[in-house]
Amino acid sequence: MSGYDVEHDIKPDQKDTETPRRPDLSSFFSALEQVDTANDRRPQNVHSLPSPGDISATLRMLADAFTVRRSARILGSDDHSDPLEGLIGFLDDTALNPPRELEGVSDTFLADLERIPKSKLKNGDSCPICANDFLDDEYPLVVRLPCHKDHVFDLECITPWLKVNPTCPMDRQQLVKEKTVEGTKADDDEEEYDDMYA
């Protein structure tokens, strides 16, 4: 029993057995708007890079939200192993030495993720991040990552992670392929051009 329960004389059977809510990420998404270089709707100069301090603060906000979520999960179970531990560690380490720009996925990538219909979900299927059963939600919005058929998440849970890191949180496989620029005929012609006589 927590100190709050003792102070307010709340018995264990009186406690709400409702699934803990996900943490509020509105502050994280507001900060992300300023540092997200993959976002097509950036209001500032598209050629400017965010400051490392801003990127670090954004990563710490997400780590704090995941820490709150992990705490709620640990209180509700006897199992102290949690996949969020690795995500939080990665975010904390990256915040100490922030990159020059975030490598997260674009909004288009998120919109194109495969949606899992409610009819295909089974009892006991749960999100690896929030640990809530998908079917506990009346209108679940569940997506599958392209790396593995079993890597399914609540869209609300996976979006923050993918916006700062383009890898699967389960196997760390890169989800966005690097675009290779192939030389075109015009490029070859420019190489032959001798600007000395221009």
C-alpha atoms as a PDB file:
ATOM      1  CA  MET A   1       0.000   0.000   0.000  1.00  0.00           C
ATOM      2  CA  SER A   2       1.275   3.477  -0.832  1.00  0.00           C
ATOM      3  CA  GLY A   3       1.465   6.369   1.606  1.00  0.00           C
ATOM      4  CA  TYR A   4      -1.483   8.030  -0.125  1.00  0.00           C
ATOM      5  CA  ASP A   5      -3.643   4.917   0.422  1.00  0.00           C
ATOM      6  CA  VAL A   6      -2.729   4.753   4.110  1.00  0.00           C
ATOM      7  CA  GLU A   7      -3.348   8.480   4.684  1.00  0.00           C
ATOM      8  CA  HIS A   8      -6.778   8.316   3.054  1.00  0.00           C
ATOM      9  CA  ASP A   9      -7.714   4.940   4.547  1.00  0.00           C
ATOM     10  CA  ILE A  10      -8.211   3.340   1.137  1.00  0.00           C
ATOM     11  CA  LYS A  11      -8.488  -0.421   1.320  1.00  0.00           C
ATOM     12  CA  PRO A  12      -7.016  -2.544  -1.499  1.00  0.00           C
ATOM     13  CA  ASP A  13     -10.480  -3.767  -2.567  1.00  0.00           C
ATOM     14  CA  GLN A  14     -11.722  -0.141  -2.775  1.00  0.00           C
ATOM     15  CA  LYS A  15      -9.029   0.906  -5.206  1.00  0.00           C
ATOM     16  CA  ASP A  16      -9.838   1.462  -8.808  1.00  0.00           C
ATOM     17  CA  THR A  17      -8.839  -1.558 -10.871  1.00  0.00           C
ATOM     18  CA  GLU A  18      -8.985   0.492 -14.059  1.00  0.00           C
ATOM     19  CA  THR A  19      -6.057   0.188 -16.447  1.00  0.00           C
ATOM     20  CA  PRO A  20      -3.619   3.064 -15.851  1.00  0.00           C
ATOM     21  CA  ARG A  21      -3.882   5.849 -18.407  1.00  0.00           C
ATOM     22  CA  ARG A  22      -1.072   6.674 -20.775  1.00  0.00           C
ATOM     23  CA  PRO A  23       0.966   9.726 -19.776  1.00  0.00           C
ATOM     24  CA  ASP A  24       0.106  13.059 -21.372  1.00  0.00           C
ATOM     25  CA  LEU A  25       2.523  13.701 -24.236  1.00  0.00           C
ATOM     26  CA  SER A  26       1.242  17.116 -25.323  1.00  0.00           C
ATOM     27  CA  SER A  27       4.393  18.896 -24.048  1.00  0.00           C
ATOM     28  CA  PHE A  28       6.576  16.372 -25.870  1.00  0.00           C
ATOM     29  CA  PHE A  29       4.740  16.885 -29.170  1.00  0.00           C
ATOM     30  CA  SER A  30       4.919  20.690 -28.770  1.00  0.00           C
ATOM     31  CA  ALA A  31       8.688  20.479 -28.299  1.00  0.00           C
ATOM     32  CA  LEU A  32       8.945  17.983 -31.147  1.00  0.00           C
ATOM     33  CA  GLU A  33       7.320  20.489 -33.539  1.00  0.00           C
ATOM     34  CA  GLN A  34      10.367  22.730 -33.071  1.00  0.00           C
ATOM     35  CA  VAL A  35      13.067  20.093 -33.557  1.00  0.00           C
ATOM     36  CA  ASP A  36      11.508  17.576 -35.961  1.00  0.00           C
ATOM     37  CA  THR A  37      13.495  17.779 -39.180  1.00  0.00           C
ATOM     38  CA  ALA A  38      11.408  14.994 -40.792  1.00  0.00           C
ATOM     39  CA  ASN A  39       8.226  17.038 -40.369  1.00  0.00           C
ATOM     40  CA  ASP A  40       6.956  18.575 -43.608  1.00  0.00           C
ATOM     41  CA  ARG A  41       5.055  21.291 -41.713  1.00  0.00           C
ATOM     42  CA  ARG A  42       7.985  22.988 -39.953  1.00  0.00           C
ATOM     43  CA  PRO A  43       7.131  26.684 -39.518  1.00  0.00           C
ATOM     44  CA  GLN A  44      10.730  27.837 -39.304  1.00  0.00           C
ATOM     45  CA  ASN A  45      13.517  27.931 -41.859  1.00  0.00           C
ATOM     46  CA  VAL A  46      13.730  24.433 -43.368  1.00  0.00           C
ATOM     47  CA  HIS A  47      17.507  24.763 -43.690  1.00  0.00           C
ATOM     48  CA  SER A  48      18.088  25.562 -40.026  1.00  0.00           C
ATOM     49  CA  LEU A  49      18.986  22.837 -37.557  1.00  0.00           C
ATOM     50  CA  PRO A  50      17.584  22.681 -34.020  1.00  0.00           C
ATOM     51  CA  SER A  51      19.944  23.338 -31.132  1.00  0.00           C
ATOM     52  CA  PRO A  52      21.360  20.274 -29.338  1.00  0.00           C
ATOM     53  CA  GLY A  53      19.830  21.558 -26.084  1.00  0.00           C
ATOM     54  CA  ASP A  54      16.352  21.546 -27.616  1.00  0.00           C
ATOM     55  CA  ILE A  55      16.824  18.017 -28.960  1.00  0.00           C
ATOM     56  CA  SER A  56      18.137  16.862 -25.582  1.00  0.00           C
ATOM     57  CA  ALA A  57      15.136  18.390 -23.768  1.00  0.00           C
ATOM     58  CA  THR A  58      12.714  16.724 -26.185  1.00  0.00           C
ATOM     59  CA  LEU A  59      14.334  13.305 -25.687  1.00  0.00           C
ATOM     60  CA  ARG A  60      14.255  13.744 -21.903  1.00  0.00           C
ATOM     61  CA  MET A  61      10.529  14.584 -22.030  1.00  0.00           C
ATOM     62  CA  LEU A  62       9.829  11.304 -23.811  1.00  0.00           C
ATOM     63  CA  ALA A  63      12.098   9.382 -21.399  1.00  0.00           C
ATOM     64  CA  ASP A  64      10.196  10.924 -18.462  1.00  0.00           C
ATOM     65  CA  ALA A  65       6.835   9.948 -19.997  1.00  0.00           C
ATOM     66  CA  PHE A  66       8.052   6.376 -20.510  1.00  0.00           C
ATOM     67  CA  THR A  67       9.355   6.343 -16.905  1.00  0.00           C
ATOM     68  CA  VAL A  68       5.890   7.319 -15.639  1.00  0.00           C
ATOM     69  CA  ARG A  69       4.387   4.560 -17.758  1.00  0.00           C
ATOM     70  CA  ARG A  70       6.937   2.017 -16.495  1.00  0.00           C
ATOM     71  CA  SER A  71       6.221   2.990 -12.871  1.00  0.00           C
ATOM     72  CA  ALA A  72       2.501   2.392 -13.371  1.00  0.00           C
ATOM     73  CA  ARG A  73       3.229  -1.017 -14.916  1.00  0.00           C
ATOM     74  CA  ILE A  74       5.596  -2.101 -12.136  1.00  0.00           C
ATOM     75  CA  LEU A  75       3.092  -1.117  -9.433  1.00  0.00           C
ATOM     76  CA  GLY A  76       0.457  -3.248 -11.102  1.00  0.00           C
ATOM     77  CA  SER A  77       2.536  -6.415 -11.465  1.00  0.00           C
ATOM     78  CA  ASP A  78       5.080  -8.600  -9.739  1.00  0.00           C
ATOM     79  CA  ASP A  79       7.243  -8.768 -12.884  1.00  0.00           C
ATOM     80  CA  HIS A  80       9.965  -6.107 -12.734  1.00  0.00           C
ATOM     81  CA  SER A  81      11.375  -6.766 -16.208  1.00  0.00           C
ATOM     82  CA  ASP A  82      10.040  -4.253 -18.660  1.00  0.00           C
ATOM     83  CA  PRO A  83      10.799  -3.496 -22.323  1.00  0.00           C
ATOM     84  CA  LEU A  84      10.492   0.217 -21.560  1.00  0.00           C
ATOM     85  CA  GLU A  85      13.734  -0.014 -19.575  1.00  0.00           C
ATOM     86  CA  GLY A  86      15.810  -0.271 -22.772  1.00  0.00           C
ATOM     87  CA  LEU A  87      13.899   2.545 -24.487  1.00  0.00           C
ATOM     88  CA  ILE A  88      14.359   4.855 -21.496  1.00  0.00           C
ATOM     89  CA  GLY A  89      18.085   4.025 -21.314  1.00  0.00           C
ATOM     90  CA  PHE A  90      18.516   4.742 -25.019  1.00  0.00           C
ATOM     91  CA  LEU A  91      16.691   8.083 -24.740  1.00  0.00           C
ATOM     92  CA  ASP A  92      18.712   9.122 -21.670  1.00  0.00           C
ATOM     93  CA  ASP A  93      22.019   8.197 -23.340  1.00  0.00           C
ATOM     94  CA  THR A  94      21.093  10.014 -26.539  1.00  0.00           C
ATOM     95  CA  ALA A  95      19.990  13.089 -24.568  1.00  0.00           C
ATOM     96  CA  LEU A  96      23.467  13.287 -23.004  1.00  0.00           C
ATOM     97  CA  ASN A  97      25.051  13.509 -26.477  1.00  0.00           C
ATOM     98  CA  PRO A  98      22.217  14.721 -28.711  1.00  0.00           C
ATOM     99  CA  PRO A  99      22.497  14.397 -32.489  1.00  0.00           C
ATOM    100  CA  ARG A 100      22.495  17.488 -34.708  1.00  0.00           C
ATOM    101  CA  GLU A 101      19.052  16.521 -35.964  1.00  0.00           C
ATOM    102  CA  LEU A 102      16.435  13.904 -35.145  1.00  0.00           C
ATOM    103  CA  GLU A 103      16.302  10.954 -37.486  1.00  0.00           C
ATOM    104  CA  GLY A 104      12.661  10.090 -36.819  1.00  0.00           C
ATOM    105  CA  VAL A 105      10.123   8.998 -39.397  1.00  0.00           C
ATOM    106  CA  SER A 106       7.888  11.362 -41.329  1.00  0.00           C
ATOM    107  CA  ASP A 107       4.167  11.840 -40.765  1.00  0.00           C
ATOM    108  CA  THR A 108       3.618  10.108 -44.105  1.00  0.00           C
ATOM    109  CA  PHE A 109       5.420   6.981 -42.871  1.00  0.00           C
ATOM    110  CA  LEU A 110       3.169   6.882 -39.779  1.00  0.00           C
ATOM    111  CA  ALA A 111       0.041   7.358 -41.881  1.00  0.00           C
ATOM    112  CA  ASP A 112       1.094   4.480 -44.164  1.00  0.00           C
ATOM    113  CA  LEU A 113       1.668   1.921 -41.376  1.00  0.00           C
ATOM    114  CA  GLU A 114      -0.513  -1.183 -41.699  1.00  0.00           C
ATOM    115  CA  ARG A 115      -3.608  -0.908 -39.474  1.00  0.00           C
ATOM    116  CA  ILE A 116      -4.822  -4.055 -37.700  1.00  0.00           C
ATOM    117  CA  PRO A 117      -8.644  -4.313 -37.680  1.00  0.00           C
ATOM    118  CA  LYS A 118     -10.317  -5.017 -34.340  1.00  0.00           C
ATOM    119  CA  SER A 119     -11.695  -8.298 -35.720  1.00  0.00           C
ATOM    120  CA  LYS A 120      -8.116  -9.632 -36.143  1.00  0.00           C
ATOM    121  CA  LEU A 121      -7.116  -8.889 -32.524  1.00  0.00           C
ATOM    122  CA  LYS A 122      -7.297 -11.646 -29.909  1.00  0.00           C
ATOM    123  CA  ASN A 123      -7.928 -11.495 -26.169  1.00  0.00           C
ATOM    124  CA  GLY A 124      -4.596 -11.120 -24.408  1.00  0.00           C
ATOM    125  CA  ASP A 125      -2.906  -9.247 -27.266  1.00  0.00           C
ATOM    126  CA  SER A 126      -1.320  -6.175 -25.738  1.00  0.00           C
ATOM    127  CA  CYS A 127       0.901  -3.267 -26.649  1.00  0.00           C
ATOM    128  CA  PRO A 128       4.546  -3.857 -25.631  1.00  0.00           C
ATOM    129  CA  ILE A 129       4.900  -0.206 -24.599  1.00  0.00           C
ATOM    130  CA  CYS A 130       1.795   0.460 -22.477  1.00  0.00           C
ATOM    131  CA  ALA A 131       0.972  -3.213 -21.693  1.00  0.00           C
ATOM    132  CA  ASN A 132      -2.756  -2.510 -22.122  1.00  0.00           C
ATOM    133  CA  ASP A 133      -4.791  -5.159 -23.927  1.00  0.00           C
ATOM    134  CA  PHE A 134      -5.799  -3.885 -27.348  1.00  0.00           C
ATOM    135  CA  LEU A 135      -9.380  -5.071 -26.849  1.00  0.00           C
ATOM    136  CA  ASP A 136      -9.741  -3.070 -23.611  1.00  0.00           C
ATOM    137  CA  ASP A 137     -10.094  -0.054 -25.867  1.00  0.00           C
ATOM    138  CA  GLU A 138     -13.493   0.249 -27.522  1.00  0.00           C
ATOM    139  CA  TYR A 139     -11.896   1.635 -30.698  1.00  0.00           C
ATOM    140  CA  PRO A 140      -8.312   0.342 -30.813  1.00  0.00           C
ATOM    141  CA  LEU A 141      -5.926   1.906 -33.307  1.00  0.00           C
ATOM    142  CA  VAL A 142      -3.289  -0.799 -33.678  1.00  0.00           C
ATOM    143  CA  VAL A 143      -0.477  -0.745 -36.229  1.00  0.00           C
ATOM    144  CA  ARG A 144       2.055  -3.321 -37.424  1.00  0.00           C
ATOM    145  CA  LEU A 145       5.648  -2.322 -38.087  1.00  0.00           C
ATOM    146  CA  PRO A 146       7.124  -3.555 -41.377  1.00  0.00           C
ATOM    147  CA  CYS A 147      10.056  -5.335 -39.698  1.00  0.00           C
ATOM    148  CA  HIS A 148       8.094  -8.299 -38.240  1.00  0.00           C
ATOM    149  CA  LYS A 149       4.497  -9.538 -38.355  1.00  0.00           C
ATOM    150  CA  ASP A 150       4.312  -9.779 -34.538  1.00  0.00           C
ATOM    151  CA  HIS A 151       5.510  -6.230 -33.856  1.00  0.00           C
ATOM    152  CA  VAL A 152       2.168  -4.546 -33.252  1.00  0.00           C
ATOM    153  CA  PHE A 153       1.609  -1.453 -31.120  1.00  0.00           C
ATOM    154  CA  ASP A 154      -1.003   1.112 -30.205  1.00  0.00           C
ATOM    155  CA  LEU A 155      -0.413   3.946 -32.670  1.00  0.00           C
ATOM    156  CA  GLU A 156      -0.539   6.387 -29.753  1.00  0.00           C
ATOM    157  CA  CYS A 157       2.329   4.552 -28.030  1.00  0.00           C
ATOM    158  CA  ILE A 158       4.625   3.944 -31.005  1.00  0.00           C
ATOM    159  CA  THR A 159       4.317   7.409 -32.585  1.00  0.00           C
ATOM    160  CA  PRO A 160       6.521   9.273 -30.058  1.00  0.00           C
ATOM    161  CA  TRP A 161       9.275   6.649 -30.328  1.00  0.00           C
ATOM    162  CA  LEU A 162       9.248   6.635 -34.134  1.00  0.00           C
ATOM    163  CA  LYS A 163       9.294  10.442 -34.294  1.00  0.00           C
ATOM    164  CA  VAL A 164      12.685  10.487 -32.513  1.00  0.00           C
ATOM    165  CA  ASN A 165      14.121   7.148 -33.677  1.00  0.00           C
ATOM    166  CA  PRO A 166      13.372   5.341 -36.977  1.00  0.00           C
ATOM    167  CA  THR A 167      13.940   1.857 -35.536  1.00  0.00           C
ATOM    168  CA  CYS A 168      11.637  -0.804 -34.147  1.00  0.00           C
ATOM    169  CA  PRO A 169      11.723  -0.687 -30.329  1.00  0.00           C
ATOM    170  CA  MET A 170      11.671  -4.488 -30.202  1.00  0.00           C
ATOM    171  CA  ASP A 171      14.542  -5.473 -32.498  1.00  0.00           C
ATOM    172  CA  ARG A 172      16.049  -2.036 -33.328  1.00  0.00           C
ATOM    173  CA  GLN A 173      15.780  -2.794 -37.049  1.00  0.00           C
ATOM    174  CA  GLN A 174      15.935   0.308 -39.260  1.00  0.00           C
ATOM    175  CA  LEU A 175      12.406   1.019 -40.581  1.00  0.00           C
ATOM    176  CA  VAL A 176      13.214   3.721 -43.122  1.00  0.00           C
ATOM    177  CA  LYS A 177      15.522   2.745 -45.930  1.00  0.00           C
ATOM    178  CA  GLU A 178      18.169   5.245 -46.987  1.00  0.00           C
ATOM    179  CA  LYS A 179      17.463   6.718 -50.387  1.00  0.00           C
ATOM    180  CA  THR A 180      20.324   6.194 -52.782  1.00  0.00           C
ATOM    181  CA  VAL A 181      20.884   8.887 -55.341  1.00  0.00           C
ATOM    182  CA  GLU A 182      21.726   7.377 -58.687  1.00  0.00           C
ATOM    183  CA  GLY A 183      23.726   9.362 -61.220  1.00  0.00           C
ATOM    184  CA  THR A 184      21.661  10.577 -64.140  1.00  0.00           C
ATOM    185  CA  LYS A 185      22.706  11.477 -67.646  1.00  0.00           C
ATOM    186  CA  ALA A 186      22.514  15.177 -66.742  1.00  0.00           C
ATOM    187  CA  ASP A 187      24.918  14.605 -63.847  1.00  0.00           C
ATOM    188  CA  ASP A 188      27.377  12.849 -66.161  1.00  0.00           C
ATOM    189  CA  ASP A 189      27.205  15.738 -68.643  1.00  0.00           C
ATOM    190  CA  GLU A 190      27.952  18.239 -65.873  1.00  0.00           C
ATOM    191  CA  GLU A 191      31.074  16.328 -64.925  1.00  0.00           C
ATOM    192  CA  GLU A 192      32.386  16.599 -68.473  1.00  0.00           C
ATOM    193  CA  TYR A 193      31.723  20.334 -68.570  1.00  0.00           C
ATOM    194  CA  ASP A 194      34.935  22.313 -68.225  1.00  0.00           C
ATOM    195  CA  ASP A 195      34.145  25.566 -66.437  1.00  0.00           C
ATOM    196  CA  MET A 196      37.524  27.005 -67.362  1.00  0.00           C
ATOM    197  CA  TYR A 197      36.184  27.983 -70.780  1.00  0.00           C
ATOM    198  CA  ALA A 198      32.739  29.086 -69.615  1.00  0.00           C
END
